[in-house]
Amino acid sequence: MKVILQKDIMNLGEAGDIKEVSNGYARNFLIPKKLVIVADESSRKAIEHQKRLIKIKKDKRRKQSEKTAGALNGKELKFAAQAGEEGKLYGSITSMDISKKLRDEGFEIDKRKIHLDSPIKELGTFKATVKLDDGLHAELSIIVDRE
């Protein structure tokens, strides 16, 4: 069955693409969730308009991501944590803690988009990478001081 994708679907394609999928997959999963519409002549005309709208939305999202990346790049976040005499933390600083700190500063970044090599378990300065939409990245400096 030929369908037109309404949204980006992993391993299938981007919104606006025309794809051939099995009848069962389309009828039982994609169409009920409104992820696709059946590709016929009337829907092909509508998809041209929809492609223009999707392009506008993607451009807007890209500009927002670029703006956020510019604001986050090189930003320093300071954390105060309890630590032992050797500088080992009693807990750890995780991507969830970084996400909360960014939310307090006005950035809505999901914890799954923040990449740390490993949870921070000692005092010092560390790097974190924030993966934004459209392949954009921002580098953060995480500074952990004794409480």
Protein backbone atom coordinates (compact mmCIF):
# COMPACT_ATOMS: atom_id res chain seq x y z
CA MET A 1 0.00 0.00 0.00
CA LYS A 2 1.36 3.44 -0.88
CA VAL A 3 1.12 5.92 1.98
CA ILE A 4 2.19 9.51 2.61
CA LEU A 5 3.98 10.05 5.91
CA GLN A 6 2.42 12.72 8.13
CA LYS A 7 5.28 12.70 10.67
CA ASP A 8 8.89 11.58 10.74
CA ILE A 9 8.95 7.84 11.46
CA MET A 10 12.20 6.19 12.44
CA ASN A 11 13.37 3.56 9.95
CA LEU A 12 10.64 4.55 7.48
CA GLY A 13 11.15 8.15 6.40
CA GLU A 14 10.45 11.82 6.92
CA ALA A 15 7.14 13.63 6.84
CA GLY A 16 5.90 14.13 3.30
CA ASP A 17 7.63 11.07 1.84
CA ILE A 18 5.60 8.57 -0.17
CA LYS A 19 6.45 5.01 0.91
CA GLU A 20 5.30 1.51 0.10
CA VAL A 21 4.36 -0.42 3.27
CA SER A 22 2.52 -3.65 3.93
CA ASN A 23 -1.28 -3.44 4.12
CA GLY A 24 -1.41 -4.74 7.70
CA TYR A 25 1.22 -2.31 8.98
CA ALA A 26 -0.67 0.58 7.40
CA ARG A 27 -4.19 -0.45 8.47
CA ASN A 28 -3.38 -1.68 11.98
CA PHE A 29 -0.69 0.73 13.12
CA LEU A 30 0.09 3.74 10.92
CA ILE A 31 -3.40 4.89 9.90
CA PRO A 32 -5.06 4.56 13.36
CA LYS A 33 -2.24 6.60 14.91
CA LYS A 34 -2.63 9.19 12.14
CA LEU A 35 1.01 8.82 11.14
CA VAL A 36 0.15 8.35 7.44
CA ILE A 37 -2.60 8.86 4.89
CA VAL A 38 -3.29 6.63 1.92
CA ALA A 39 -1.61 7.96 -1.24
CA ASP A 40 -4.24 8.65 -3.91
CA GLU A 41 -4.72 11.54 -6.34
CA SER A 42 -6.57 13.83 -3.92
CA SER A 43 -4.09 13.22 -1.12
CA ARG A 44 -1.13 13.81 -3.47
CA LYS A 45 -2.42 17.33 -4.14
CA ALA A 46 -2.85 17.96 -0.44
CA ILE A 47 0.63 16.65 0.31
CA GLU A 48 2.28 19.37 -1.78
CA HIS A 49 0.71 21.96 0.49
CA GLN A 50 1.63 19.91 3.53
CA LYS A 51 5.27 19.63 2.40
CA ARG A 52 5.49 23.40 2.30
CA LEU A 53 4.09 23.60 5.85
CA ILE A 54 6.49 20.91 7.06
CA LYS A 55 9.44 22.77 5.54
CA ILE A 56 8.38 25.96 7.32
CA LYS A 57 8.11 24.08 10.64
CA LYS A 58 11.53 22.45 10.14
CA ASP A 59 13.13 25.81 9.34
CA LYS A 60 11.55 27.33 12.45
CA ARG A 61 12.73 24.41 14.61
CA ARG A 62 16.22 24.66 13.10
CA LYS A 63 16.43 28.39 13.90
CA GLN A 64 15.28 27.73 17.46
CA SER A 65 17.89 24.97 17.84
CA GLU A 66 20.62 27.26 16.50
CA LYS A 67 19.57 29.98 18.94
CA THR A 68 19.59 27.52 21.85
CA ALA A 69 22.96 26.07 20.78
CA GLY A 70 24.44 29.57 20.65
CA ALA A 71 23.16 30.35 24.14
CA LEU A 72 24.34 27.03 25.61
CA ASN A 73 27.76 26.77 23.93
CA GLY A 74 30.48 27.45 26.50
CA LYS A 75 27.97 27.93 29.32
CA GLU A 76 29.22 27.08 32.80
CA LEU A 77 26.97 25.35 35.31
CA LYS A 78 28.11 25.32 38.93
CA PHE A 79 27.10 22.64 41.37
CA ALA A 80 27.81 22.48 45.08
CA ALA A 81 28.00 18.96 46.48
CA GLN A 82 29.14 17.23 49.62
CA ALA A 83 32.46 15.47 49.18
CA GLY A 84 34.95 13.50 51.22
CA GLU A 85 38.51 14.60 51.95
CA GLU A 86 39.84 13.05 48.72
CA GLY A 87 37.33 14.98 46.59
CA LYS A 88 34.95 12.08 46.00
CA LEU A 89 31.29 13.06 46.04
CA TYR A 90 28.84 11.33 48.35
CA GLY A 91 26.41 11.18 45.43
CA SER A 92 26.86 12.03 41.78
CA ILE A 93 25.92 14.71 39.28
CA THR A 94 23.88 13.17 36.46
CA SER A 95 22.26 14.39 33.27
CA MET A 96 19.00 14.77 35.22
CA ASP A 97 20.67 17.23 37.62
CA ILE A 98 22.09 19.17 34.67
CA SER A 99 18.66 19.23 33.02
CA LYS A 100 17.08 20.63 36.20
CA LYS A 101 19.77 23.31 36.48
CA LEU A 102 19.24 24.29 32.83
CA ARG A 103 15.46 24.42 33.41
CA ASP A 104 16.07 26.83 36.31
CA GLU A 105 18.02 29.03 33.89
CA GLY A 106 15.24 29.00 31.29
CA PHE A 107 16.27 26.17 28.94
CA GLU A 108 13.97 23.20 28.37
CA ILE A 109 16.45 20.41 27.64
CA ASP A 110 15.45 16.78 28.11
CA LYS A 111 17.88 14.73 30.21
CA ARG A 112 18.23 12.20 27.36
CA LYS A 113 19.74 14.90 25.16
CA ILE A 114 22.55 15.58 27.63
CA HIS A 115 25.58 13.34 27.20
CA LEU A 116 28.15 12.76 29.93
CA ASP A 117 30.97 10.25 29.52
CA SER A 118 30.02 8.95 32.96
CA PRO A 119 28.20 10.34 36.01
CA ILE A 120 30.29 12.96 37.78
CA LYS A 121 31.50 11.52 41.09
CA GLU A 122 34.30 13.89 42.12
CA LEU A 123 35.12 17.57 42.44
CA GLY A 124 36.43 19.39 39.39
CA THR A 125 35.49 20.67 35.95
CA PHE A 126 33.85 18.40 33.39
CA LYS A 127 32.41 18.66 29.88
CA ALA A 128 28.88 17.73 28.83
CA THR A 129 27.42 17.69 25.32
CA VAL A 130 23.83 18.69 24.60
CA LYS A 131 22.42 17.12 21.43
CA LEU A 132 19.83 19.40 19.88
CA ASP A 133 17.58 18.91 16.85
CA ASP A 134 19.00 18.73 13.33
CA GLY A 135 22.39 17.42 14.45
CA LEU A 136 23.38 20.53 16.41
CA HIS A 137 25.52 20.16 19.53
CA ALA A 138 26.44 22.48 22.38
CA GLU A 139 29.27 22.06 24.88
CA LEU A 140 28.69 22.82 28.57
CA SER A 141 31.25 23.15 31.35
CA ILE A 142 30.18 21.53 34.60
CA ILE A 143 31.98 22.86 37.67
CA VAL A 144 31.57 20.86 40.87
CA ASP A 145 32.72 22.55 44.09
CA ARG A 146 32.62 21.47 47.70
CA GLU A 147 29.41 22.43 49.51
